[in-house]
Amino acid sequence: MVLRNISEAKAELSKLIELAQNGEEVVIAKAGKAVVRLTLYEGPAEPRKPGALKGRIRIAPDFDTLPADMEHAFGARK
């Protein structure tokens, strides 16, 4: 495990990223106390599929119509 204070991590960020890419555990500390762990980003588990919720979401017919009290509150009422 590699432990660096924030000021040290700023100075050698590229090196710390490379260590994380190679599987090393990198921890960044503030005032000697560990606060952040730098890990390799692996991306989403599987790609998103457009239309996955088709037929499961309903939008009310009056969705775009504000109630009178809300129109007044937002100053939209004439």
C-alpha atoms as a PDB file:
ATOM      1  CA  MET A   1       0.000   0.000   0.000  1.00  0.00           C
ATOM      2  CA  VAL A   2       1.213   3.478  -0.897  1.00  0.00           C
ATOM      3  CA  LEU A   3       0.206   6.267   1.519  1.00  0.00           C
ATOM      4  CA  ARG A   4       0.681   9.931   0.574  1.00  0.00           C
ATOM      5  CA  ASN A   5      -0.460  13.204   2.117  1.00  0.00           C
ATOM      6  CA  ILE A   6      -2.448  15.530  -0.159  1.00  0.00           C
ATOM      7  CA  SER A   7       0.499  17.836  -0.887  1.00  0.00           C
ATOM      8  CA  GLU A   8       2.690  14.869  -1.838  1.00  0.00           C
ATOM      9  CA  ALA A   9      -0.105  13.369  -3.947  1.00  0.00           C
ATOM     10  CA  LYS A  10      -0.478  16.630  -5.892  1.00  0.00           C
ATOM     11  CA  ALA A  11       3.207  16.591  -6.752  1.00  0.00           C
ATOM     12  CA  GLU A  12       3.263  12.972  -7.912  1.00  0.00           C
ATOM     13  CA  LEU A  13      -0.265  12.350  -9.166  1.00  0.00           C
ATOM     14  CA  SER A  14       0.844  10.804 -12.464  1.00  0.00           C
ATOM     15  CA  LYS A  15       3.024   8.289 -10.615  1.00  0.00           C
ATOM     16  CA  LEU A  16       0.211   7.416  -8.186  1.00  0.00           C
ATOM     17  CA  ILE A  17      -2.204   6.868 -11.078  1.00  0.00           C
ATOM     18  CA  GLU A  18       0.309   4.554 -12.727  1.00  0.00           C
ATOM     19  CA  LEU A  19       0.674   2.589  -9.487  1.00  0.00           C
ATOM     20  CA  ALA A  20      -3.112   2.212  -9.237  1.00  0.00           C
ATOM     21  CA  GLN A  21      -3.232   1.032 -12.873  1.00  0.00           C
ATOM     22  CA  ASN A  22      -0.705  -1.653 -11.959  1.00  0.00           C
ATOM     23  CA  GLY A  23      -2.895  -2.917  -9.095  1.00  0.00           C
ATOM     24  CA  GLU A  24      -1.175  -1.125  -6.217  1.00  0.00           C
ATOM     25  CA  GLU A  25      -3.418   0.256  -3.461  1.00  0.00           C
ATOM     26  CA  VAL A  26      -2.938   4.030  -3.214  1.00  0.00           C
ATOM     27  CA  VAL A  27      -4.300   5.939  -0.207  1.00  0.00           C
ATOM     28  CA  ILE A  28      -4.298   9.721   0.114  1.00  0.00           C
ATOM     29  CA  ALA A  29      -4.300  11.201   3.606  1.00  0.00           C
ATOM     30  CA  LYS A  30      -5.086  14.565   5.152  1.00  0.00           C
ATOM     31  CA  ALA A  31      -3.107  15.468   8.265  1.00  0.00           C
ATOM     32  CA  GLY A  32      -1.914  11.856   8.441  1.00  0.00           C
ATOM     33  CA  LYS A  33      -5.426  10.391   8.383  1.00  0.00           C
ATOM     34  CA  ALA A  34      -6.465   8.297   5.352  1.00  0.00           C
ATOM     35  CA  VAL A  35      -9.384   9.908   3.498  1.00  0.00           C
ATOM     36  CA  VAL A  36      -9.332   8.657  -0.127  1.00  0.00           C
ATOM     37  CA  ARG A  37      -8.377   5.458  -1.907  1.00  0.00           C
ATOM     38  CA  LEU A  38      -7.277   5.727  -5.532  1.00  0.00           C
ATOM     39  CA  THR A  39      -8.533   2.761  -7.539  1.00  0.00           C
ATOM     40  CA  LEU A  40      -8.677   1.723 -11.162  1.00  0.00           C
ATOM     41  CA  TYR A  41     -11.902   2.753 -12.930  1.00  0.00           C
ATOM     42  CA  GLU A  42     -13.562  -0.251 -14.551  1.00  0.00           C
ATOM     43  CA  GLY A  43     -16.589   1.418 -16.126  1.00  0.00           C
ATOM     44  CA  PRO A  44     -20.220   0.279 -15.978  1.00  0.00           C
ATOM     45  CA  ALA A  45     -20.913  -3.438 -15.553  1.00  0.00           C
ATOM     46  CA  GLU A  46     -22.810  -3.660 -18.829  1.00  0.00           C
ATOM     47  CA  PRO A  47     -23.757  -1.158 -21.537  1.00  0.00           C
ATOM     48  CA  ARG A  48     -27.032   0.706 -21.147  1.00  0.00           C
ATOM     49  CA  LYS A  49     -29.877  -0.437 -23.363  1.00  0.00           C
ATOM     50  CA  PRO A  50     -32.161   2.276 -24.753  1.00  0.00           C
ATOM     51  CA  GLY A  51     -35.819   1.535 -24.106  1.00  0.00           C
ATOM     52  CA  ALA A  52     -35.199  -0.756 -21.131  1.00  0.00           C
ATOM     53  CA  LEU A  53     -38.100   0.880 -19.224  1.00  0.00           C
ATOM     54  CA  LYS A  54     -40.469   1.150 -22.199  1.00  0.00           C
ATOM     55  CA  GLY A  55     -44.029   0.517 -21.064  1.00  0.00           C
ATOM     56  CA  ARG A  56     -43.091   0.798 -17.382  1.00  0.00           C
ATOM     57  CA  ILE A  57     -43.208   4.602 -17.071  1.00  0.00           C
ATOM     58  CA  ARG A  58     -46.358   6.670 -17.499  1.00  0.00           C
ATOM     59  CA  ILE A  59     -46.486  10.432 -17.892  1.00  0.00           C
ATOM     60  CA  ALA A  60     -49.764  12.042 -16.882  1.00  0.00           C
ATOM     61  CA  PRO A  61     -51.655  13.866 -19.666  1.00  0.00           C
ATOM     62  CA  ASP A  62     -51.554  17.123 -17.647  1.00  0.00           C
ATOM     63  CA  PHE A  63     -47.782  16.871 -16.984  1.00  0.00           C
ATOM     64  CA  ASP A  64     -47.026  20.236 -18.637  1.00  0.00           C
ATOM     65  CA  THR A  65     -49.920  22.080 -16.940  1.00  0.00           C
ATOM     66  CA  LEU A  66     -49.204  23.877 -13.671  1.00  0.00           C
ATOM     67  CA  PRO A  67     -51.941  24.064 -11.022  1.00  0.00           C
ATOM     68  CA  ALA A  68     -53.241  27.626 -10.457  1.00  0.00           C
ATOM     69  CA  ASP A  69     -51.501  28.028  -7.085  1.00  0.00           C
ATOM     70  CA  MET A  70     -48.151  26.992  -8.594  1.00  0.00           C
ATOM     71  CA  GLU A  71     -48.605  29.369 -11.535  1.00  0.00           C
ATOM     72  CA  HIS A  72     -49.174  32.157  -9.036  1.00  0.00           C
ATOM     73  CA  ALA A  73     -46.134  31.126  -6.920  1.00  0.00           C
ATOM     74  CA  PHE A  74     -43.865  31.187  -9.984  1.00  0.00           C
ATOM     75  CA  GLY A  75     -45.362  34.410 -11.335  1.00  0.00           C
ATOM     76  CA  ALA A  76     -46.624  32.664 -14.485  1.00  0.00           C
ATOM     77  CA  ARG A  77     -50.255  33.558 -13.917  1.00  0.00           C
ATOM     78  CA  LYS A  78     -51.555  36.604 -15.736  1.00  0.00           C
END
